[in-house]
Amino acid sequence: MPISKSEFLEISGVGKNKLKNYGDLFINVIKEYIDKSTGSQENTYKSGIKKEYSFKKN
């Protein structure tokens, strides 16, 4: 899961415009989810949550 702007840019289909328009929103939501799920960001990678994800279209 991307927790920084550089990680967000690594997602297939995300470029500078999507980063500018949606990056902060997505990153904040992801960080909140991780914090609630694991107790803190420090535990993100220790808990087995993978660093890399791609969004799939339904």
PDB file of N, CA and C in Angstrom:
ATOM      1  N   MET A   1       0.842  -1.172   0.000  1.00  0.00           N
ATOM      2  CA  MET A   1       0.000   0.000   0.000  1.00  0.00           C
ATOM      3  C   MET A   1       0.887   1.235   0.000  1.00  0.00           C
ATOM      4  N   PRO A   2       0.600   2.180  -0.847  1.00  0.00           N
ATOM      5  CA  PRO A   2       1.441   3.377  -0.900  1.00  0.00           C
ATOM      6  C   PRO A   2       1.189   4.281   0.310  1.00  0.00           C
ATOM      7  N   ILE A   3       2.270   4.664   0.987  1.00  0.00           N
ATOM      8  CA  ILE A   3       2.133   5.583   2.102  1.00  0.00           C
ATOM      9  C   ILE A   3       2.975   6.834   1.884  1.00  0.00           C
ATOM     10  N   SER A   4       3.444   7.014   0.650  1.00  0.00           N
ATOM     11  CA  SER A   4       4.175   8.232   0.291  1.00  0.00           C
ATOM     12  C   SER A   4       3.828   8.577  -1.158  1.00  0.00           C
ATOM     13  N   LYS A   5       4.117   9.808  -1.536  1.00  0.00           N
ATOM     14  CA  LYS A   5       3.829  10.237  -2.905  1.00  0.00           C
ATOM     15  C   LYS A   5       4.651   9.450  -3.921  1.00  0.00           C
ATOM     16  N   SER A   6       5.883   9.140  -3.591  1.00  0.00           N
ATOM     17  CA  SER A   6       6.718   8.383  -4.532  1.00  0.00           C
ATOM     18  C   SER A   6       6.173   6.967  -4.715  1.00  0.00           C
ATOM     19  N   GLU A   7       5.680   6.353  -3.646  1.00  0.00           N
ATOM     20  CA  GLU A   7       5.080   5.021  -3.755  1.00  0.00           C
ATOM     21  C   GLU A   7       3.769   5.089  -4.535  1.00  0.00           C
ATOM     22  N   PHE A   8       2.990   6.156  -4.352  1.00  0.00           N
ATOM     23  CA  PHE A   8       1.732   6.329  -5.073  1.00  0.00           C
ATOM     24  C   PHE A   8       2.000   6.414  -6.579  1.00  0.00           C
ATOM     25  N   LEU A   9       3.079   7.086  -6.967  1.00  0.00           N
ATOM     26  CA  LEU A   9       3.434   7.209  -8.382  1.00  0.00           C
ATOM     27  C   LEU A   9       3.847   5.876  -9.007  1.00  0.00           C
ATOM     28  N   GLU A  10       4.231   4.910  -8.198  1.00  0.00           N
ATOM     29  CA  GLU A  10       4.632   3.602  -8.711  1.00  0.00           C
ATOM     30  C   GLU A  10       3.437   2.750  -9.141  1.00  0.00           C
ATOM     31  N   ILE A  11       2.226   3.155  -8.782  1.00  0.00           N
ATOM     32  CA  ILE A  11       1.027   2.400  -9.147  1.00  0.00           C
ATOM     33  C   ILE A  11       0.761   2.573 -10.631  1.00  0.00           C
ATOM     34  N   SER A  12       0.507   1.457 -11.301  1.00  0.00           N
ATOM     35  CA  SER A  12       0.207   1.493 -12.731  1.00  0.00           C
ATOM     36  C   SER A  12      -1.011   2.384 -12.990  1.00  0.00           C
ATOM     37  N   GLY A  13      -0.870   3.325 -13.905  1.00  0.00           N
ATOM     38  CA  GLY A  13      -1.976   4.216 -14.259  1.00  0.00           C
ATOM     39  C   GLY A  13      -1.993   5.524 -13.484  1.00  0.00           C
ATOM     40  N   VAL A  14      -1.092   5.676 -12.536  1.00  0.00           N
ATOM     41  CA  VAL A  14      -1.020   6.918 -11.759  1.00  0.00           C
ATOM     42  C   VAL A  14       0.148   7.744 -12.278  1.00  0.00           C
ATOM     43  N   GLY A  15      -0.165   8.966 -12.634  1.00  0.00           N
ATOM     44  CA  GLY A  15       0.854   9.908 -13.091  1.00  0.00           C
ATOM     45  C   GLY A  15       0.803  11.163 -12.246  1.00  0.00           C
ATOM     46  N   LYS A  16       1.435  12.205 -12.726  1.00  0.00           N
ATOM     47  CA  LYS A  16       1.518  13.455 -11.967  1.00  0.00           C
ATOM     48  C   LYS A  16       0.143  14.069 -11.718  1.00  0.00           C
ATOM     49  N   ASN A  17      -0.756  13.983 -12.702  1.00  0.00           N
ATOM     50  CA  ASN A  17      -2.087  14.582 -12.525  1.00  0.00           C
ATOM     51  C   ASN A  17      -2.896  13.857 -11.459  1.00  0.00           C
ATOM     52  N   LYS A  18      -2.909  12.533 -11.499  1.00  0.00           N
ATOM     53  CA  LYS A  18      -3.647  11.776 -10.483  1.00  0.00           C
ATOM     54  C   LYS A  18      -3.007  11.961  -9.109  1.00  0.00           C
ATOM     55  N   LEU A  19      -1.693  12.034  -9.078  1.00  0.00           N
ATOM     56  CA  LEU A  19      -1.022  12.290  -7.807  1.00  0.00           C
ATOM     57  C   LEU A  19      -1.463  13.639  -7.246  1.00  0.00           C
ATOM     58  N   LYS A  20      -1.479  14.638  -8.092  1.00  0.00           N
ATOM     59  CA  LYS A  20      -1.868  15.987  -7.666  1.00  0.00           C
ATOM     60  C   LYS A  20      -3.326  16.023  -7.212  1.00  0.00           C
ATOM     61  N   ASN A  21      -4.212  15.365  -7.975  1.00  0.00           N
ATOM     62  CA  ASN A  21      -5.646  15.430  -7.684  1.00  0.00           C
ATOM     63  C   ASN A  21      -6.091  14.501  -6.564  1.00  0.00           C
ATOM     64  N   TYR A  22      -5.471  13.347  -6.439  1.00  0.00           N
ATOM     65  CA  TYR A  22      -5.967  12.321  -5.520  1.00  0.00           C
ATOM     66  C   TYR A  22      -4.938  11.789  -4.526  1.00  0.00           C
ATOM     67  N   GLY A  23      -3.671  12.074  -4.739  1.00  0.00           N
ATOM     68  CA  GLY A  23      -2.618  11.484  -3.931  1.00  0.00           C
ATOM     69  C   GLY A  23      -2.775  11.674  -2.438  1.00  0.00           C
ATOM     70  N   ASP A  24      -2.929  12.914  -1.996  1.00  0.00           N
ATOM     71  CA  ASP A  24      -3.044  13.179  -0.562  1.00  0.00           C
ATOM     72  C   ASP A  24      -4.262  12.490   0.036  1.00  0.00           C
ATOM     73  N   LEU A  25      -5.376  12.510  -0.677  1.00  0.00           N
ATOM     74  CA  LEU A  25      -6.597  11.866  -0.194  1.00  0.00           C
ATOM     75  C   LEU A  25      -6.379  10.365  -0.001  1.00  0.00           C
ATOM     76  N   PHE A  26      -5.869   9.691  -1.021  1.00  0.00           N
ATOM     77  CA  PHE A  26      -5.645   8.246  -0.936  1.00  0.00           C
ATOM     78  C   PHE A  26      -4.608   7.906   0.132  1.00  0.00           C
ATOM     79  N   ILE A  27      -3.512   8.631   0.158  1.00  0.00           N
ATOM     80  CA  ILE A  27      -2.446   8.341   1.117  1.00  0.00           C
ATOM     81  C   ILE A  27      -2.952   8.508   2.548  1.00  0.00           C
ATOM     82  N   ASN A  28      -3.721   9.561   2.805  1.00  0.00           N
ATOM     83  CA  ASN A  28      -4.257   9.771   4.152  1.00  0.00           C
ATOM     84  C   ASN A  28      -5.215   8.664   4.561  1.00  0.00           C
ATOM     85  N   VAL A  29      -6.078   8.236   3.643  1.00  0.00           N
ATOM     86  CA  VAL A  29      -7.023   7.150   3.942  1.00  0.00           C
ATOM     87  C   VAL A  29      -6.264   5.848   4.203  1.00  0.00           C
ATOM     88  N   ILE A  30      -5.266   5.573   3.397  1.00  0.00           N
ATOM     89  CA  ILE A  30      -4.464   4.357   3.577  1.00  0.00           C
ATOM     90  C   ILE A  30      -3.744   4.386   4.923  1.00  0.00           C
ATOM     91  N   LYS A  31      -3.151   5.526   5.265  1.00  0.00           N
ATOM     92  CA  LYS A  31      -2.454   5.642   6.547  1.00  0.00           C
ATOM     93  C   LYS A  31      -3.413   5.441   7.723  1.00  0.00           C
ATOM     94  N   GLU A  32      -4.622   6.021   7.621  1.00  0.00           N
ATOM     95  CA  GLU A  32      -5.617   5.825   8.679  1.00  0.00           C
ATOM     96  C   GLU A  32      -5.990   4.351   8.805  1.00  0.00           C
ATOM     97  N   TYR A  33      -6.179   3.684   7.680  1.00  0.00           N
ATOM     98  CA  TYR A  33      -6.514   2.257   7.692  1.00  0.00           C
ATOM     99  C   TYR A  33      -5.396   1.445   8.347  1.00  0.00           C
ATOM    100  N   ILE A  34      -4.164   1.735   7.953  1.00  0.00           N
ATOM    101  CA  ILE A  34      -3.027   1.008   8.514  1.00  0.00           C
ATOM    102  C   ILE A  34      -2.925   1.253  10.016  1.00  0.00           C
ATOM    103  N   ASP A  35      -3.074   2.501  10.414  1.00  0.00           N
ATOM    104  CA  ASP A  35      -2.988   2.828  11.843  1.00  0.00           C
ATOM    105  C   ASP A  35      -4.050   2.079  12.640  1.00  0.00           C
ATOM    106  N   LYS A  36      -5.266   2.014  12.117  1.00  0.00           N
ATOM    107  CA  LYS A  36      -6.349   1.313  12.817  1.00  0.00           C
ATOM    108  C   LYS A  36      -6.134  -0.198  12.806  1.00  0.00           C
ATOM    109  N   SER A  37      -5.599  -0.714  11.720  1.00  0.00           N
ATOM    110  CA  SER A  37      -5.416  -2.158  11.574  1.00  0.00           C
ATOM    111  C   SER A  37      -4.236  -2.697  12.361  1.00  0.00           C
ATOM    112  N   THR A  38      -3.168  -1.915  12.425  1.00  0.00           N
ATOM    113  CA  THR A  38      -1.939  -2.422  13.030  1.00  0.00           C
ATOM    114  C   THR A  38      -1.543  -1.704  14.309  1.00  0.00           C
ATOM    115  N   GLY A  39      -2.160  -0.601  14.588  1.00  0.00           N
ATOM    116  CA  GLY A  39      -1.816   0.160  15.782  1.00  0.00           C
ATOM    117  C   GLY A  39      -0.884   1.319  15.517  1.00  0.00           C
ATOM    118  N   SER A  40      -0.084   1.246  14.446  1.00  0.00           N
ATOM    119  CA  SER A  40       0.800   2.351  14.063  1.00  0.00           C
ATOM    120  C   SER A  40       1.430   2.071  12.715  1.00  0.00           C
ATOM    121  N   GLN A  41       1.967   3.105  12.093  1.00  0.00           N
ATOM    122  CA  GLN A  41       2.626   2.930  10.805  1.00  0.00           C
ATOM    123  C   GLN A  41       3.900   2.120  10.932  1.00  0.00           C
ATOM    124  N   GLU A  42       4.537   2.154  12.067  1.00  0.00           N
ATOM    125  CA  GLU A  42       5.786   1.412  12.254  1.00  0.00           C
ATOM    126  C   GLU A  42       5.571  -0.074  12.043  1.00  0.00           C
ATOM    127  N   ASN A  43       4.355  -0.554  12.296  1.00  0.00           N
ATOM    128  CA  ASN A  43       4.067  -1.978  12.178  1.00  0.00           C
ATOM    129  C   ASN A  43       3.602  -2.375  10.782  1.00  0.00           C
ATOM    130  N   THR A  44       3.493  -1.432   9.856  1.00  0.00           N
ATOM    131  CA  THR A  44       2.923  -1.701   8.534  1.00  0.00           C
ATOM    132  C   THR A  44       3.580  -2.888   7.847  1.00  0.00           C
ATOM    133  N   TYR A  45       4.894  -2.862   7.711  1.00  0.00           N
ATOM    134  CA  TYR A  45       5.563  -3.917   6.971  1.00  0.00           C
ATOM    135  C   TYR A  45       5.777  -5.151   7.837  1.00  0.00           C
ATOM    136  N   LYS A  46       5.874  -4.984   9.132  1.00  0.00           N
ATOM    137  CA  LYS A  46       6.025  -6.114  10.035  1.00  0.00           C
ATOM    138  C   LYS A  46       4.758  -6.963  10.083  1.00  0.00           C
ATOM    139  N   SER A  47       3.593  -6.326   9.837  1.00  0.00           N
ATOM    140  CA  SER A  47       2.326  -7.034   9.954  1.00  0.00           C
ATOM    141  C   SER A  47       1.998  -7.877   8.726  1.00  0.00           C
ATOM    142  N   GLY A  48       2.836  -7.807   7.695  1.00  0.00           N
ATOM    143  CA  GLY A  48       2.600  -8.609   6.504  1.00  0.00           C
ATOM    144  C   GLY A  48       1.862  -7.873   5.411  1.00  0.00           C
ATOM    145  N   ILE A  49       1.529  -6.606   5.619  1.00  0.00           N
ATOM    146  CA  ILE A  49       0.884  -5.827   4.564  1.00  0.00           C
ATOM    147  C   ILE A  49       1.933  -5.557   3.504  1.00  0.00           C
ATOM    148  N   LYS A  50       1.639  -5.927   2.278  1.00  0.00           N
ATOM    149  CA  LYS A  50       2.606  -5.762   1.198  1.00  0.00           C
ATOM    150  C   LYS A  50       2.765  -4.300   0.822  1.00  0.00           C
ATOM    151  N   LYS A  51       3.956  -3.950   0.406  1.00  0.00           N
ATOM    152  CA  LYS A  51       4.277  -2.583   0.023  1.00  0.00           C
ATOM    153  C   LYS A  51       3.683  -2.232  -1.336  1.00  0.00           C
ATOM    154  N   GLU A  52       3.573  -3.182  -2.227  1.00  0.00           N
ATOM    155  CA  GLU A  52       3.149  -2.892  -3.596  1.00  0.00           C
ATOM    156  C   GLU A  52       1.742  -3.409  -3.868  1.00  0.00           C
ATOM    157  N   TYR A  53       0.909  -2.540  -4.387  1.00  0.00           N
ATOM    158  CA  TYR A  53      -0.448  -2.885  -4.795  1.00  0.00           C
ATOM    159  C   TYR A  53      -0.755  -2.153  -6.084  1.00  0.00           C
ATOM    160  N   SER A  54      -1.697  -2.630  -6.846  1.00  0.00           N
ATOM    161  CA  SER A  54      -2.210  -1.896  -7.984  1.00  0.00           C
ATOM    162  C   SER A  54      -3.723  -1.917  -7.905  1.00  0.00           C
ATOM    163  N   PHE A  55      -4.342  -0.837  -8.315  1.00  0.00           N
ATOM    164  CA  PHE A  55      -5.791  -0.749  -8.288  1.00  0.00           C
ATOM    165  C   PHE A  55      -6.346  -1.425  -9.531  1.00  0.00           C
ATOM    166  N   LYS A  56      -7.370  -2.231  -9.354  1.00  0.00           N
ATOM    167  CA  LYS A  56      -7.979  -2.943 -10.465  1.00  0.00           C
ATOM    168  C   LYS A  56      -9.326  -2.330 -10.777  1.00  0.00           C
ATOM    169  N   LYS A  57      -9.642  -2.236 -12.063  1.00  0.00           N
ATOM    170  CA  LYS A  57     -10.954  -1.753 -12.485  1.00  0.00           C
ATOM    171  C   LYS A  57     -11.939  -2.907 -12.422  1.00  0.00           C
ATOM    172  N   ASN A  58     -13.134  -2.619 -11.960  1.00  0.00           N
ATOM    173  CA  ASN A  58     -14.185  -3.656 -11.914  1.00  0.00           C
ATOM    174  C   ASN A  58     -14.855  -3.796 -13.251  1.00  0.00           C
TER     175      ASN A  58
END
